[in-house]
Amino acid sequence: MKVKINNEEKHYRTVWMKESDVCMINQRLLPHRFKVHKCKTYIDTVEAIRNMTVRGAGAIGAAAGYAMCQAVIEAAKLPEEEAVNYVLDAEKRIRDARPTAQNLFYAVERVYNSTINADSLERAVSFAVREAEQNADDDAEACKRIGEYGQWLVADGARVLTHCNAGWLAFVDYGSALSPVYAAKAAGKKVLVYADETRPRLQGANLTAWELLNEGIEHYVIPDNAAGYFMKEGKIRIVIVGADRIAANGDTANKIGTYTKAVLAKENGIPFYVAAPTSTIDINCKTGKDIPIEYRSGDEVHWVSGMDGSGRIRKVRVTPEGSKALNPAFDVTPAELITGIITEKGILFNENKRFNLETLLQA
């Protein structure tokens, strides 16, 4: 997508590879600073995934695929026996970076498997580079198609609620939940977006609002606990969220607070859609109960960062010292609360409180 810097527009992907460096938009600095972060080694990239310099299901997946590629490049400089162990160790480290997003595991497996039949380390590097780039391209193309299908759900004059950030910053390009909004705007429709602030890391307030502002889309940032009020007042007509992992039965893990919005949508008769590429579907995960939920540091609850009146970025504590905090990063929305799942293969609607995802994957 295009980013405006010093009144000039330039197209960026969220994460990309330049020679052996993995480059990414540093999402920890947005919306107040725009900076490209470079990872020289696969360990650097793993740390960027872990500390959320890069975040969002598809962007994590692309970064993980590139990290696996970096590991193969680094291994090629070692004796063959050491190289094999190096790659195996790297695969485990990358997979351990974050536990919930299925796209990470999908990408690591995809790039690793591409090297298995290589007859030399040089060929393994070639295969890994090609597969990591293809994985990123596939993510961008899938999200573009999600927008093409999903924009038919977004009427002219639509008022859309979204949660967290599932725009292009969360994927390689276009995004998932926001892709239908961008496509609707491109089709000439007028759209208003309500963006949940999404505590504790404020991805909605920091990232979704920044994206929408860049795209010239009217929006309001609202407190996380205000969505029910706006639904009851008739201000919100449709909810579209992203996903970090979708179980075989359609249960969906997404940013903490998503389940609450689904319950509120159900109570107020508002359609609730999940948008995600099929790489987010974990067919081996039977239900949402099998999805691992990441718990992050309580410091994210205790402390917030922002710009003060003098333009300085500051970090301040918002809880009493001595208070404990719990910080689950995701929750699971049961399939029965989901109206439909928007994918690059089309929209799968809920039939009798279940989804036939296996058929979708085979399509």
Protein backbone atom coordinates (compact mmCIF):
# COMPACT_ATOMS: atom_id res chain seq x y z
CA MET A 1 0.00 0.00 0.00
CA LYS A 2 1.06 3.62 -0.35
CA VAL A 3 2.61 5.53 2.52
CA LYS A 4 2.78 9.31 2.62
CA ILE A 5 6.12 10.59 3.91
CA ASN A 6 7.02 14.28 3.61
CA ASN A 7 4.08 14.74 1.22
CA GLU A 8 5.41 12.03 -1.09
CA GLU A 9 3.69 8.70 -1.69
CA LYS A 10 5.66 5.48 -1.95
CA HIS A 11 4.47 1.89 -2.18
CA TYR A 12 5.60 -0.39 0.62
CA ARG A 13 5.05 -3.97 1.56
CA THR A 14 4.99 -4.69 5.27
CA VAL A 15 7.96 -7.06 5.08
CA TRP A 16 10.35 -7.93 2.26
CA MET A 17 13.80 -9.39 1.61
CA LYS A 18 16.74 -7.46 0.15
CA GLU A 19 19.67 -9.74 -0.60
CA SER A 20 20.01 -11.64 2.72
CA ASP A 21 18.46 -8.92 4.91
CA VAL A 22 14.84 -9.07 6.01
CA CYS A 23 13.36 -5.56 5.93
CA MET A 24 10.13 -4.58 7.63
CA ILE A 25 8.13 -1.55 8.65
CA ASN A 26 8.82 -1.06 12.35
CA GLN A 27 5.30 -1.24 13.74
CA ARG A 28 6.43 -0.48 17.28
CA LEU A 29 7.10 3.12 16.21
CA LEU A 30 3.83 3.85 14.41
CA PRO A 31 1.86 6.07 14.18
CA HIS A 32 4.31 8.75 15.27
CA ARG A 33 7.43 7.59 13.40
CA PHE A 34 7.89 5.65 10.16
CA LYS A 35 11.08 3.62 9.95
CA VAL A 36 12.28 0.51 8.13
CA HIS A 37 13.92 -2.07 10.38
CA LYS A 38 16.56 -4.43 8.93
CA CYS A 39 17.31 -7.91 10.24
CA LYS A 40 20.75 -9.18 9.26
CA THR A 41 20.36 -12.75 10.55
CA TYR A 42 17.53 -15.17 11.12
CA ILE A 43 17.93 -14.67 14.88
CA ASP A 44 17.36 -10.94 14.35
CA THR A 45 14.18 -11.74 12.43
CA VAL A 46 12.98 -14.12 15.14
CA GLU A 47 13.45 -11.37 17.72
CA ALA A 48 11.54 -8.91 15.52
CA ILE A 49 8.65 -11.39 15.41
CA ARG A 50 8.82 -11.98 19.15
CA ASN A 51 8.95 -8.31 20.17
CA MET A 52 6.29 -7.33 17.60
CA THR A 53 8.42 -5.10 15.42
CA VAL A 54 6.47 -7.09 12.83
CA ARG A 55 3.03 -8.38 13.83
CA GLY A 56 -0.19 -9.59 12.25
CA ALA A 57 -0.87 -13.08 10.98
CA GLY A 58 0.31 -12.78 7.37
CA ALA A 59 3.21 -10.44 8.13
CA ILE A 60 4.43 -12.84 10.83
CA GLY A 61 4.13 -15.66 8.32
CA ALA A 62 6.10 -13.84 5.64
CA ALA A 63 8.77 -12.81 8.15
CA ALA A 64 9.01 -16.40 9.43
CA GLY A 65 9.40 -17.69 5.87
CA TYR A 66 12.15 -15.16 5.25
CA ALA A 67 13.80 -16.11 8.57
CA MET A 68 13.84 -19.75 7.48
CA CYS A 69 15.40 -18.62 4.21
CA GLN A 70 18.05 -16.60 6.08
CA ALA A 71 18.90 -19.68 8.15
CA VAL A 72 19.49 -21.72 4.98
CA ILE A 73 21.69 -18.94 3.55
CA GLU A 74 23.69 -18.84 6.79
CA ALA A 75 23.94 -22.63 6.93
CA ALA A 76 25.37 -22.78 3.41
CA LYS A 77 28.54 -21.14 4.75
CA LEU A 78 29.11 -24.02 7.18
CA PRO A 79 30.39 -27.60 6.70
CA GLU A 80 27.54 -29.81 5.50
CA GLU A 81 27.01 -31.71 8.78
CA GLU A 82 26.92 -28.48 10.77
CA ALA A 83 24.65 -26.90 8.16
CA VAL A 84 21.94 -29.54 8.64
CA ASN A 85 21.91 -29.08 12.41
CA TYR A 86 21.94 -25.31 12.00
CA VAL A 87 18.82 -25.37 9.84
CA LEU A 88 17.01 -27.80 12.17
CA ASP A 89 17.80 -25.61 15.16
CA ALA A 90 16.67 -22.53 13.27
CA GLU A 91 13.37 -24.16 12.32
CA LYS A 92 12.61 -24.81 15.99
CA ARG A 93 13.62 -21.30 17.07
CA ILE A 94 11.43 -19.67 14.45
CA ARG A 95 8.45 -21.86 15.30
CA ASP A 96 8.86 -20.95 18.98
CA ALA A 97 8.80 -17.20 18.28
CA ARG A 98 5.03 -16.91 18.76
CA PRO A 99 2.61 -19.78 19.37
CA THR A 100 -0.83 -18.76 18.05
CA ALA A 101 -0.53 -17.46 14.46
CA GLN A 102 -0.93 -20.39 12.07
CA ASN A 103 0.65 -18.47 9.18
CA LEU A 104 4.02 -18.63 10.96
CA PHE A 105 4.00 -22.45 11.06
CA TYR A 106 2.66 -22.67 7.52
CA ALA A 107 5.47 -20.48 6.15
CA VAL A 108 8.28 -22.18 8.06
CA GLU A 109 7.15 -25.61 6.90
CA ARG A 110 6.71 -24.41 3.34
CA VAL A 111 10.22 -22.92 3.05
CA TYR A 112 11.90 -25.76 4.96
CA ASN A 113 10.20 -28.44 2.85
CA SER A 114 11.31 -26.72 -0.35
CA THR A 115 14.96 -27.47 0.53
CA ILE A 116 14.62 -31.14 1.49
CA ASN A 117 15.37 -32.58 -1.95
CA ALA A 118 18.13 -30.12 -2.85
CA ASP A 119 21.29 -31.92 -3.97
CA SER A 120 23.62 -29.19 -2.71
CA LEU A 121 23.66 -26.33 -0.22
CA GLU A 122 23.70 -23.85 -3.10
CA ARG A 123 20.54 -25.39 -4.53
CA ALA A 124 18.94 -25.38 -1.09
CA VAL A 125 19.57 -21.62 -0.86
CA SER A 126 18.05 -21.10 -4.31
CA PHE A 127 14.96 -23.13 -3.41
CA ALA A 128 14.55 -21.37 -0.04
CA VAL A 129 14.78 -17.88 -1.56
CA ARG A 130 12.29 -18.73 -4.26
CA GLU A 131 9.81 -20.29 -1.82
CA ALA A 132 10.05 -17.49 0.75
CA GLU A 133 9.37 -14.90 -1.95
CA GLN A 134 6.50 -16.96 -3.35
CA ASN A 135 5.01 -17.32 0.11
CA ALA A 136 5.02 -13.52 0.51
CA ASP A 137 3.58 -12.98 -2.97
CA ASP A 138 0.85 -15.53 -2.30
CA ASP A 139 -0.08 -13.74 0.93
CA ALA A 140 -0.43 -10.40 -0.87
CA GLU A 141 -2.45 -11.93 -3.71
CA ALA A 142 -4.74 -13.80 -1.31
CA CYS A 143 -5.48 -10.59 0.59
CA LYS A 144 -6.21 -8.75 -2.64
CA ARG A 145 -8.76 -11.41 -3.55
CA ILE A 146 -10.26 -11.27 -0.05
CA GLY A 147 -10.97 -7.62 -0.79
CA GLU A 148 -12.53 -8.43 -4.16
CA TYR A 149 -14.90 -10.97 -2.61
CA GLY A 150 -15.52 -9.12 0.63
CA GLN A 151 -16.35 -5.72 -0.85
CA TRP A 152 -19.72 -7.10 -1.94
CA LEU A 153 -20.62 -7.32 1.74
CA VAL A 154 -19.75 -3.65 2.24
CA ALA A 155 -22.66 -1.54 1.02
CA ASP A 156 -22.39 2.07 -0.06
CA GLY A 157 -22.67 4.06 3.16
CA ALA A 158 -21.60 1.07 5.26
CA ARG A 159 -20.54 1.56 8.88
CA VAL A 160 -17.98 -1.11 9.71
CA LEU A 161 -16.50 -2.13 13.06
CA THR A 162 -13.09 -3.74 13.11
CA HIS A 163 -10.91 -4.90 15.98
CA CYS A 164 -7.11 -4.74 16.33
CA ASN A 165 -5.25 -4.27 13.04
CA ALA A 166 -6.00 -6.61 10.17
CA GLY A 167 -5.05 -4.20 7.44
CA TRP A 168 -2.03 -4.25 5.15
CA LEU A 169 0.34 -3.80 8.10
CA ALA A 170 -0.82 -7.19 9.38
CA PHE A 171 -0.12 -8.92 6.06
CA VAL A 172 2.32 -8.45 3.22
CA ASP A 173 -0.15 -6.11 1.49
CA TYR A 174 -3.87 -5.23 1.31
CA GLY A 175 -4.77 -6.90 4.63
CA SER A 176 -7.64 -9.19 5.53
CA ALA A 177 -10.43 -7.42 7.48
CA LEU A 178 -9.64 -4.04 5.91
CA SER A 179 -9.12 -5.36 2.38
CA PRO A 180 -12.90 -5.35 1.66
CA VAL A 181 -13.04 -1.77 2.97
CA TYR A 182 -10.21 -0.69 0.66
CA ALA A 183 -11.82 -2.49 -2.28
CA ALA A 184 -15.19 -0.89 -1.51
CA LYS A 185 -13.60 2.56 -1.51
CA ALA A 186 -11.87 1.78 -4.82
CA ALA A 187 -15.30 0.82 -6.20
CA GLY A 188 -16.59 4.28 -5.32
CA LYS A 189 -18.46 3.38 -2.15
CA LYS A 190 -18.53 5.59 0.91
CA VAL A 191 -17.45 3.70 4.04
CA LEU A 192 -17.15 4.72 7.69
CA VAL A 193 -14.98 2.56 9.96
CA TYR A 194 -15.15 2.31 13.75
CA ALA A 195 -11.74 1.09 14.93
CA ASP A 196 -11.54 -0.43 18.39
CA GLU A 197 -8.47 0.95 20.17
CA THR A 198 -7.52 -2.65 21.11
CA ARG A 199 -5.79 -2.61 24.45
CA PRO A 200 -3.25 -3.25 25.75
CA ARG A 201 -1.01 -2.67 22.71
CA LEU A 202 -3.47 -0.31 20.98
CA GLN A 203 -3.07 -1.75 17.48
CA GLY A 204 -6.41 -0.28 16.45
CA ALA A 205 -5.61 3.22 17.71
CA ASN A 206 -2.01 3.18 16.47
CA LEU A 207 -2.05 1.09 13.31
CA THR A 208 -5.58 0.77 11.90
CA ALA A 209 -6.22 4.50 12.33
CA TRP A 210 -2.86 5.27 10.67
CA GLU A 211 -3.73 3.05 7.70
CA LEU A 212 -7.22 4.52 7.29
CA LEU A 213 -5.85 8.04 7.51
CA ASN A 214 -3.32 7.25 4.76
CA GLU A 215 -6.10 5.80 2.61
CA GLY A 216 -8.43 8.76 3.13
CA ILE A 217 -11.17 6.64 4.73
CA GLU A 218 -13.43 8.27 7.31
CA HIS A 219 -13.03 6.62 10.68
CA TYR A 220 -13.38 6.94 14.42
CA VAL A 221 -11.19 5.32 17.05
CA ILE A 222 -13.45 4.14 19.85
CA PRO A 223 -12.76 2.70 23.33
CA ASP A 224 -12.82 -1.09 23.37
CA ASN A 225 -15.86 -1.10 25.66
CA ALA A 226 -17.88 1.33 23.49
CA ALA A 227 -18.73 -1.04 20.62
CA GLY A 228 -21.88 -2.37 22.31
CA TYR A 229 -23.22 1.17 22.74
CA PHE A 230 -22.69 2.02 19.07
CA MET A 231 -24.23 -1.28 17.98
CA LYS A 232 -27.35 -0.67 20.06
CA GLU A 233 -27.60 2.87 18.68
CA GLY A 234 -27.60 1.47 15.12
CA LYS A 235 -24.28 3.10 14.24
CA ILE A 236 -22.55 -0.18 13.33
CA ARG A 237 -24.03 -2.35 10.56
CA ILE A 238 -21.33 -4.98 9.99
CA VAL A 239 -18.30 -6.34 11.85
CA ILE A 240 -15.23 -7.61 9.99
CA VAL A 241 -12.23 -8.95 11.91
CA GLY A 242 -9.09 -10.88 11.07
CA ALA A 243 -7.84 -14.20 12.39
CA ASP A 244 -4.60 -15.68 13.68
CA ARG A 245 -5.74 -19.29 13.50
CA ILE A 246 -8.95 -20.94 12.33
CA ALA A 247 -9.72 -24.44 13.61
CA ALA A 248 -11.22 -27.14 11.40
CA ASN A 249 -14.72 -26.49 12.75
CA GLY A 250 -14.52 -22.72 12.15
CA ASP A 251 -13.68 -21.63 15.70
CA THR A 252 -11.37 -18.65 15.30
CA ALA A 253 -8.56 -17.20 17.40
CA ASN A 254 -8.01 -13.48 17.02
CA LYS A 255 -6.84 -10.55 19.12
CA ILE A 256 -8.19 -10.51 22.67
CA GLY A 257 -11.60 -8.83 22.73
CA THR A 258 -12.81 -10.31 19.44
CA TYR A 259 -15.05 -12.83 21.20
CA THR A 260 -16.72 -9.99 23.11
CA LYS A 261 -17.52 -8.19 19.84
CA ALA A 262 -18.96 -11.39 18.36
CA VAL A 263 -21.30 -11.83 21.32
CA LEU A 264 -22.40 -8.19 21.06
CA ALA A 265 -22.97 -8.53 17.31
CA LYS A 266 -25.10 -11.62 17.86
CA GLU A 267 -27.18 -9.86 20.52
CA ASN A 268 -27.76 -6.87 18.23
CA GLY A 269 -28.44 -8.83 15.03
CA ILE A 270 -25.32 -7.56 13.26
CA PRO A 271 -23.43 -9.81 10.79
CA PHE A 272 -19.98 -10.81 12.07
CA TYR A 273 -17.40 -11.82 9.46
CA VAL A 274 -13.89 -13.21 9.75
CA ALA A 275 -11.49 -12.40 6.90
CA ALA A 276 -8.39 -14.55 6.45
CA PRO A 277 -6.38 -16.34 3.76
CA THR A 278 -6.67 -20.13 3.76
CA SER A 279 -3.09 -20.34 5.08
CA THR A 280 -4.59 -19.29 8.43
CA ILE A 281 -6.71 -22.45 8.59
CA ASP A 282 -5.26 -25.24 10.71
CA ILE A 283 -7.14 -28.31 9.56
CA ASN A 284 -5.29 -30.44 12.13
CA CYS A 285 -6.70 -28.30 14.94
CA LYS A 286 -10.18 -29.73 15.53
CA THR A 287 -11.74 -26.95 17.62
CA GLY A 288 -10.85 -23.68 19.26
CA LYS A 289 -10.03 -25.53 22.46
CA ASP A 290 -6.95 -26.92 20.70
CA ILE A 291 -5.58 -23.49 19.73
CA PRO A 292 -2.65 -22.40 21.93
CA ILE A 293 -3.27 -18.97 23.41
CA GLU A 294 -0.23 -16.76 23.87
CA TYR A 295 0.14 -14.89 27.15
CA ARG A 296 2.37 -11.84 26.92
CA SER A 297 4.14 -9.83 29.61
CA GLY A 298 1.99 -8.02 32.15
CA ASP A 299 4.15 -4.96 31.48
CA GLU A 300 2.06 -4.35 28.36
CA VAL A 301 -0.93 -3.81 30.66
CA HIS A 302 0.95 -1.77 33.27
CA TRP A 303 2.65 0.62 30.83
CA VAL A 304 1.56 2.58 27.75
CA SER A 305 3.61 4.62 25.29
CA GLY A 306 2.56 7.72 23.41
CA MET A 307 3.51 11.20 22.31
CA ASP A 308 3.30 13.96 24.89
CA GLY A 309 2.38 17.58 24.22
CA SER A 310 5.94 18.48 23.32
CA GLY A 311 6.23 15.76 20.69
CA ARG A 312 8.31 13.35 22.77
CA ILE A 313 7.54 9.63 22.89
CA ARG A 314 7.12 8.67 26.52
CA LYS A 315 6.26 5.53 28.45
CA VAL A 316 4.03 5.89 31.51
CA ARG A 317 2.62 3.49 34.08
CA VAL A 318 -1.18 3.35 34.36
CA THR A 319 -1.59 0.83 37.20
CA PRO A 320 -0.56 0.95 40.86
CA GLU A 321 2.79 -0.62 41.66
CA GLY A 322 2.13 -3.96 43.27
CA SER A 323 -0.93 -4.77 41.15
CA LYS A 324 -0.68 -7.94 39.08
CA ALA A 325 -1.73 -8.15 35.44
CA LEU A 326 -2.86 -10.95 33.14
CA ASN A 327 -2.30 -10.44 29.45
CA PRO A 328 -3.75 -13.07 27.08
CA ALA A 329 -3.03 -11.89 23.54
CA PHE A 330 -5.89 -13.79 21.88
CA ASP A 331 -9.31 -15.27 22.51
CA VAL A 332 -11.42 -17.75 20.56
CA THR A 333 -14.73 -16.95 18.87
CA PRO A 334 -16.95 -20.03 18.44
CA ALA A 335 -18.02 -20.82 14.88
CA GLU A 336 -21.68 -20.43 15.82
CA LEU A 337 -21.17 -16.68 16.29
CA ILE A 338 -19.52 -16.18 12.89
CA THR A 339 -21.73 -15.24 9.92
CA GLY A 340 -19.13 -16.11 7.33
CA ILE A 341 -15.42 -16.47 6.59
CA ILE A 342 -14.01 -14.38 3.74
CA THR A 343 -11.07 -16.06 1.99
CA GLU A 344 -9.22 -15.74 -1.30
CA LYS A 345 -11.35 -18.65 -2.55
CA GLY A 346 -14.64 -16.97 -1.77
CA ILE A 347 -16.97 -16.43 1.17
CA LEU A 348 -17.92 -19.48 3.21
CA PHE A 349 -21.19 -18.87 5.02
CA ASN A 350 -22.20 -20.49 8.27
CA GLU A 351 -24.44 -23.50 7.72
CA ASN A 352 -26.10 -24.93 10.81
CA LYS A 353 -23.46 -23.42 13.11
CA ARG A 354 -20.53 -25.05 11.33
CA PHE A 355 -18.13 -24.54 8.44
CA ASN A 356 -16.92 -27.11 5.92
CA LEU A 357 -13.34 -25.84 5.77
CA GLU A 358 -11.86 -29.07 4.46
CA THR A 359 -13.92 -28.72 1.27
CA LEU A 360 -12.79 -25.10 0.97
CA LEU A 361 -9.13 -26.07 1.17
CA GLN A 362 -9.60 -28.66 -1.56
CA ALA A 363 -11.28 -26.16 -3.90
